[in-house]
Amino acid sequence: MREFLTSRRARVTPDQAGLPAYGSNRRVQGLRREEVAILAGISVEYYTRLERGNAAGMSESVVEGLSRALQLDEAEQTHLADLVRAANSRRAPRRRVAQRVRPVVQQVLDSMTYAPAFVLNERLDVLAANELGRALYAPMFGDPRDPVNHARFIFLDPGSHDFWVNWEKAAKDTVAILRAAAGRDPYDRHLSDLVGELSTRSEEFRVRWAAHDVKFHHTGVKDIHHPLVGDLTLAFESLQVSADAGQILLVYSAEPGTASREALNLLAGWTTTAHQERSGLPADRTT
């Protein structure tokens, strides 16, 4: 709570907030505490208590006031509400059980012959994938650990710099997703362990984690350089598996008539042939 609020306060200038900036020797970057309090409609003492990490009894109206004052986007406002909820929770940490993908969900994945598809959890562990998904993310699935993890691949595998055309964006988005997940459930020990591992082994991760950025990851475009079929521009949709809390279905597609669609079709053909040969079935050579 403290670090998130101070990081958001530091990025908003008095001019951006519509406040006069008295004097040229301001000691703080961004807004002062009293300026945030005025904009949010709360007392300076109350806001100071919040920045010290004491969010006991913080109401929804205060969250909305701070969101306006700090110019938070939707993802940031949701994250602030999650932090408040966690701060006011009296429940003990839950014992985590291994997440498993139901067979019917795996059947859905396998039915998507020409669309790479995965099921992930909020820590970005890949819990399940179809054949084309594994082929698309072949460099990541080279990790012998089970489950493979998207964040671990990006920050600990040098090959990720070749795989992601815009590695910087992929790295920033990944950390923002994990930061949002940590706000929703600070008792997730597996997530804490992952963050600890990445912070210890990757300066790139450590710097981005300290920024406290969060974002939604529902839809967008990813640019990938695949070792077999070259560059791919793929749209993605991220959907909650409604019957299984914390599981996300991620599906990629390429625009028809594009080079990316041709490359994805080629990869799908190779994947289907390889699967048939492993299964002892006659391979379809017309693909």
Protein backbone atom coordinates (compact mmCIF):
# COMPACT_ATOMS: atom_id res chain seq x y z
CA MET A 1 0.00 0.00 0.00
CA ARG A 2 2.70 2.47 1.05
CA GLU A 3 4.95 1.84 -1.93
CA PHE A 4 2.10 1.84 -4.43
CA LEU A 5 0.69 5.16 -3.20
CA THR A 6 4.08 6.89 -3.08
CA SER A 7 4.99 5.63 -6.56
CA ARG A 8 1.70 6.94 -8.02
CA ARG A 9 2.03 10.25 -6.18
CA ALA A 10 5.54 10.75 -7.54
CA ARG A 11 4.43 10.61 -11.15
CA VAL A 12 1.70 13.31 -10.99
CA THR A 13 2.90 16.90 -11.18
CA PRO A 14 0.95 19.86 -9.72
CA ASP A 15 0.39 21.09 -13.26
CA GLN A 16 -1.14 17.76 -14.29
CA ALA A 17 -3.36 17.89 -11.22
CA GLY A 18 -4.43 21.47 -11.90
CA LEU A 19 -2.71 22.85 -8.82
CA PRO A 20 -0.41 25.88 -8.57
CA ALA A 21 3.23 24.92 -8.05
CA TYR A 22 4.46 27.43 -5.51
CA GLY A 23 8.20 27.93 -5.51
CA SER A 24 10.89 26.34 -7.60
CA ASN A 25 12.57 24.32 -4.87
CA ARG A 26 10.06 21.52 -4.33
CA ARG A 27 11.68 18.70 -2.43
CA VAL A 28 9.39 15.96 -3.68
CA GLN A 29 8.91 14.48 -7.10
CA GLY A 30 5.28 14.83 -8.05
CA LEU A 31 2.58 15.79 -5.57
CA ARG A 32 3.00 16.44 -1.87
CA ARG A 33 0.93 14.46 0.61
CA GLU A 34 -1.18 17.47 1.48
CA GLU A 35 -1.91 18.08 -2.20
CA VAL A 36 -3.14 14.51 -2.64
CA ALA A 37 -5.29 14.87 0.46
CA ILE A 38 -6.90 18.06 -0.85
CA LEU A 39 -7.59 16.48 -4.24
CA ALA A 40 -9.02 13.32 -2.64
CA GLY A 41 -11.16 15.23 -0.14
CA ILE A 42 -9.60 13.68 2.97
CA SER A 43 -7.43 15.01 5.79
CA VAL A 44 -3.65 15.11 5.54
CA GLU A 45 -3.45 13.00 8.71
CA TYR A 46 -5.68 10.32 7.20
CA TYR A 47 -3.74 10.20 3.94
CA THR A 48 -0.43 10.05 5.84
CA ARG A 49 -1.79 7.06 7.75
CA LEU A 50 -2.70 5.37 4.47
CA GLU A 51 0.78 5.94 3.07
CA ARG A 52 2.19 4.30 6.17
CA GLY A 53 0.28 1.18 5.24
CA ASN A 54 -2.67 1.51 7.62
CA ALA A 55 -5.80 1.09 5.50
CA ALA A 56 -8.08 -0.14 8.27
CA GLY A 57 -11.66 0.91 7.57
CA MET A 58 -10.84 2.59 4.25
CA SER A 59 -14.11 3.08 2.37
CA GLU A 60 -14.92 2.71 -1.30
CA SER A 61 -15.46 6.47 -1.57
CA VAL A 62 -11.91 7.08 -0.33
CA VAL A 63 -10.57 4.64 -2.90
CA GLU A 64 -12.45 6.54 -5.60
CA GLY A 65 -11.20 9.89 -4.30
CA LEU A 66 -7.59 8.72 -4.27
CA SER A 67 -8.00 7.23 -7.73
CA ARG A 68 -9.08 10.61 -9.07
CA ALA A 69 -6.35 12.49 -7.20
CA LEU A 70 -3.60 10.15 -8.35
CA GLN A 71 -5.08 9.80 -11.86
CA LEU A 72 -5.19 6.02 -11.66
CA ASP A 73 -6.33 4.01 -14.65
CA GLU A 74 -8.84 1.17 -14.29
CA ALA A 75 -6.22 -1.48 -13.57
CA GLU A 76 -4.53 0.72 -10.95
CA GLN A 77 -7.82 1.56 -9.26
CA THR A 78 -8.68 -2.13 -9.09
CA HIS A 79 -5.24 -2.84 -7.64
CA LEU A 80 -5.71 -0.18 -4.96
CA ALA A 81 -9.07 -1.71 -4.02
CA ASP A 82 -7.39 -5.15 -3.84
CA LEU A 83 -4.69 -3.78 -1.53
CA VAL A 84 -7.32 -2.24 0.73
CA ARG A 85 -9.28 -5.50 0.80
CA ALA A 86 -6.14 -7.45 1.71
CA ALA A 87 -5.20 -4.94 4.42
CA ASN A 88 -8.63 -5.28 6.01
CA SER A 89 -8.84 -9.06 5.70
CA ARG A 90 -8.70 -11.03 8.91
CA ARG A 91 -8.57 -14.44 7.33
CA ALA A 92 -5.58 -16.70 7.78
CA PRO A 93 -3.54 -17.66 4.73
CA ARG A 94 -5.16 -20.54 2.89
CA ARG A 95 -3.30 -23.75 2.23
CA ARG A 96 -2.66 -23.91 -1.47
CA VAL A 97 -3.53 -27.04 -3.42
CA ALA A 98 -2.09 -27.93 -6.80
CA GLN A 99 -4.13 -26.44 -9.64
CA ARG A 100 -5.31 -28.98 -12.18
CA VAL A 101 -7.02 -28.50 -15.51
CA ARG A 102 -10.20 -30.50 -15.88
CA PRO A 103 -10.24 -33.04 -18.73
CA VAL A 104 -13.07 -31.23 -20.52
CA VAL A 105 -10.98 -28.05 -20.60
CA GLN A 106 -8.07 -29.98 -22.10
CA GLN A 107 -10.49 -31.36 -24.71
CA VAL A 108 -11.48 -27.81 -25.61
CA LEU A 109 -7.80 -26.88 -26.02
CA ASP A 110 -7.12 -29.93 -28.19
CA SER A 111 -10.07 -29.11 -30.45
CA MET A 112 -8.41 -25.81 -31.44
CA THR A 113 -6.28 -27.21 -34.24
CA TYR A 114 -5.30 -23.91 -35.85
CA ALA A 115 -5.26 -21.67 -32.76
CA PRO A 116 -2.48 -21.85 -30.15
CA ALA A 117 -4.20 -22.08 -26.76
CA PHE A 118 -3.11 -22.34 -23.13
CA VAL A 119 -4.52 -22.42 -19.62
CA LEU A 120 -2.51 -20.35 -17.15
CA ASN A 121 -2.89 -19.40 -13.53
CA GLU A 122 -2.34 -15.92 -12.12
CA ARG A 123 1.35 -16.67 -11.50
CA LEU A 124 1.68 -17.33 -15.26
CA ASP A 125 2.34 -21.03 -14.81
CA VAL A 126 1.24 -22.88 -17.96
CA LEU A 127 -1.13 -25.53 -16.62
CA ALA A 128 -2.16 -26.94 -20.01
CA ALA A 129 -1.69 -26.29 -23.72
CA ASN A 130 -2.71 -27.72 -27.06
CA GLU A 131 -0.21 -29.09 -29.57
CA LEU A 132 0.03 -25.84 -31.52
CA GLY A 133 0.49 -23.87 -28.32
CA ARG A 134 3.44 -26.04 -27.36
CA ALA A 135 4.89 -25.67 -30.84
CA LEU A 136 4.48 -21.89 -30.79
CA TYR A 137 6.14 -21.58 -27.36
CA ALA A 138 8.69 -24.34 -28.02
CA PRO A 139 11.61 -22.34 -26.51
CA MET A 140 9.68 -21.86 -23.26
CA PHE A 141 8.68 -25.52 -23.06
CA GLY A 142 12.37 -26.41 -23.15
CA ASP A 143 12.43 -25.68 -19.41
CA PRO A 144 12.48 -29.07 -17.63
CA ARG A 145 10.52 -27.75 -14.65
CA ASP A 146 6.80 -28.50 -14.48
CA PRO A 147 4.82 -26.35 -14.84
CA VAL A 148 6.78 -24.04 -17.10
CA ASN A 149 6.37 -20.40 -16.20
CA HIS A 150 6.07 -17.45 -18.55
CA ALA A 151 7.83 -14.98 -16.23
CA ARG A 152 10.69 -17.37 -15.52
CA PHE A 153 11.21 -17.81 -19.27
CA ILE A 154 11.30 -14.08 -19.94
CA PHE A 155 13.72 -13.14 -17.17
CA LEU A 156 15.90 -16.21 -16.72
CA ASP A 157 16.20 -17.65 -20.25
CA PRO A 158 18.46 -15.60 -22.59
CA GLY A 159 16.59 -17.11 -25.54
CA SER A 160 13.53 -15.03 -24.65
CA HIS A 161 15.24 -11.96 -26.11
CA ASP A 162 15.22 -13.65 -29.51
CA PHE A 163 11.70 -15.04 -29.09
CA TRP A 164 9.99 -11.74 -28.23
CA VAL A 165 10.33 -9.10 -30.94
CA ASN A 166 9.67 -6.40 -28.32
CA TRP A 167 11.25 -7.96 -25.24
CA GLU A 168 10.98 -4.75 -23.19
CA LYS A 169 7.20 -4.62 -23.59
CA ALA A 170 6.82 -8.32 -22.85
CA ALA A 171 8.92 -7.95 -19.69
CA LYS A 172 7.03 -4.89 -18.46
CA ASP A 173 3.63 -6.49 -19.10
CA THR A 174 4.67 -9.70 -17.34
CA VAL A 175 5.75 -7.91 -14.17
CA ALA A 176 2.59 -5.78 -14.19
CA ILE A 177 0.45 -8.94 -14.37
CA LEU A 178 2.32 -10.52 -11.44
CA ARG A 179 2.11 -7.30 -9.40
CA ALA A 180 -1.67 -7.19 -9.89
CA ALA A 181 -1.91 -10.86 -8.87
CA ALA A 182 0.06 -10.14 -5.70
CA GLY A 183 -2.42 -7.41 -4.82
CA ARG A 184 -5.36 -9.77 -5.22
CA ASP A 185 -3.83 -12.46 -3.02
CA PRO A 186 -0.85 -11.51 -0.86
CA TYR A 187 -1.07 -14.94 0.77
CA ASP A 188 -0.09 -16.82 -2.39
CA ARG A 189 3.15 -18.38 -1.22
CA HIS A 190 3.96 -19.82 -4.63
CA LEU A 191 3.77 -16.34 -6.12
CA SER A 192 5.93 -14.95 -3.32
CA ASP A 193 8.49 -17.68 -3.96
CA LEU A 194 8.49 -16.90 -7.69
CA VAL A 195 8.94 -13.16 -7.09
CA GLY A 196 11.75 -13.91 -4.66
CA GLU A 197 13.51 -16.16 -7.16
CA LEU A 198 13.21 -13.65 -9.99
CA SER A 199 14.26 -10.73 -7.79
CA THR A 200 17.36 -12.62 -6.69
CA ARG A 201 18.41 -13.79 -10.13
CA SER A 202 17.34 -10.95 -12.43
CA GLU A 203 18.17 -7.26 -12.11
CA GLU A 204 15.77 -6.63 -15.02
CA PHE A 205 12.92 -8.10 -12.99
CA ARG A 206 13.93 -6.39 -9.75
CA VAL A 207 13.88 -2.91 -11.32
CA ARG A 208 10.47 -3.44 -12.92
CA TRP A 209 8.96 -4.96 -9.78
CA ALA A 210 9.96 -1.88 -7.78
CA ALA A 211 7.96 0.34 -10.18
CA HIS A 212 4.62 -1.07 -8.85
CA ASP A 213 3.01 -0.95 -12.31
CA VAL A 214 -0.12 -3.03 -12.89
CA LYS A 215 -2.26 -3.72 -15.95
CA PHE A 216 -5.15 -5.78 -17.30
CA HIS A 217 -4.17 -8.39 -19.85
CA HIS A 218 -7.49 -9.26 -21.48
CA THR A 219 -6.72 -8.65 -25.15
CA GLY A 220 -3.94 -7.34 -27.36
CA VAL A 221 -1.28 -8.21 -29.91
CA LYS A 222 2.02 -10.05 -29.48
CA ASP A 223 4.96 -10.06 -31.90
CA ILE A 224 6.96 -13.28 -31.80
CA HIS A 225 10.04 -14.49 -33.66
CA HIS A 226 9.59 -18.24 -33.93
CA PRO A 227 12.76 -20.30 -34.58
CA LEU A 228 11.06 -22.33 -37.36
CA VAL A 229 8.51 -20.09 -39.11
CA GLY A 230 9.91 -16.62 -38.43
CA ASP A 231 8.03 -13.51 -37.35
CA LEU A 232 4.41 -13.73 -36.24
CA THR A 233 1.97 -10.99 -35.27
CA LEU A 234 -0.76 -12.63 -33.24
CA ALA A 235 -3.87 -11.24 -31.55
CA PHE A 236 -4.78 -12.77 -28.21
CA GLU A 237 -7.85 -13.04 -26.01
CA SER A 238 -7.64 -13.89 -22.30
CA LEU A 239 -10.76 -15.43 -20.73
CA GLN A 240 -11.51 -16.60 -17.21
CA VAL A 241 -12.33 -20.30 -16.86
CA SER A 242 -15.45 -19.56 -14.85
CA ALA A 243 -15.69 -22.94 -13.10
CA ASP A 244 -12.05 -22.89 -11.96
CA ALA A 245 -10.98 -19.87 -9.94
CA GLY A 246 -7.66 -18.39 -10.99
CA GLN A 247 -7.43 -20.24 -14.31
CA ILE A 248 -7.20 -18.23 -17.53
CA LEU A 249 -7.73 -19.45 -21.09
CA LEU A 250 -5.35 -17.69 -23.48
CA VAL A 251 -5.99 -18.07 -27.22
CA TYR A 252 -3.95 -16.67 -30.13
CA SER A 253 -5.03 -16.02 -33.70
CA ALA A 254 -3.59 -14.48 -36.84
CA GLU A 255 -5.45 -12.24 -39.27
CA PRO A 256 -6.55 -14.15 -42.40
CA GLY A 257 -4.58 -13.45 -45.55
CA THR A 258 -1.45 -12.30 -43.75
CA ALA A 259 2.04 -13.74 -43.65
CA SER A 260 1.47 -14.49 -39.97
CA ARG A 261 -1.58 -16.60 -40.85
CA GLU A 262 0.44 -18.54 -43.43
CA ALA A 263 3.26 -19.09 -40.95
CA LEU A 264 0.83 -20.25 -38.26
CA ASN A 265 -0.85 -22.63 -40.71
CA LEU A 266 2.55 -24.02 -41.62
CA LEU A 267 3.42 -24.56 -37.98
CA ALA A 268 0.03 -26.19 -37.41
CA GLY A 269 0.65 -28.55 -40.34
CA TRP A 270 4.02 -29.61 -39.00
CA THR A 271 2.55 -30.04 -35.52
CA THR A 272 -0.31 -32.21 -36.78
CA THR A 273 2.04 -34.42 -38.79
CA ALA A 274 4.41 -34.83 -35.84
CA HIS A 275 1.51 -35.71 -33.54
CA GLN A 276 0.19 -38.33 -36.00
CA GLU A 277 3.62 -39.90 -36.33
CA ARG A 278 4.07 -40.07 -32.55
CA SER A 279 0.62 -41.68 -32.29
CA GLY A 280 1.39 -44.25 -34.97
CA LEU A 281 -1.27 -42.82 -37.28
CA PRO A 282 -0.81 -42.22 -41.04
CA ALA A 283 0.43 -38.68 -41.50
CA ASP A 284 -1.66 -36.31 -43.64
CA ARG A 285 0.87 -35.16 -46.24
CA THR A 286 -1.57 -32.75 -47.88
CA THR A 287 -1.14 -30.12 -45.16
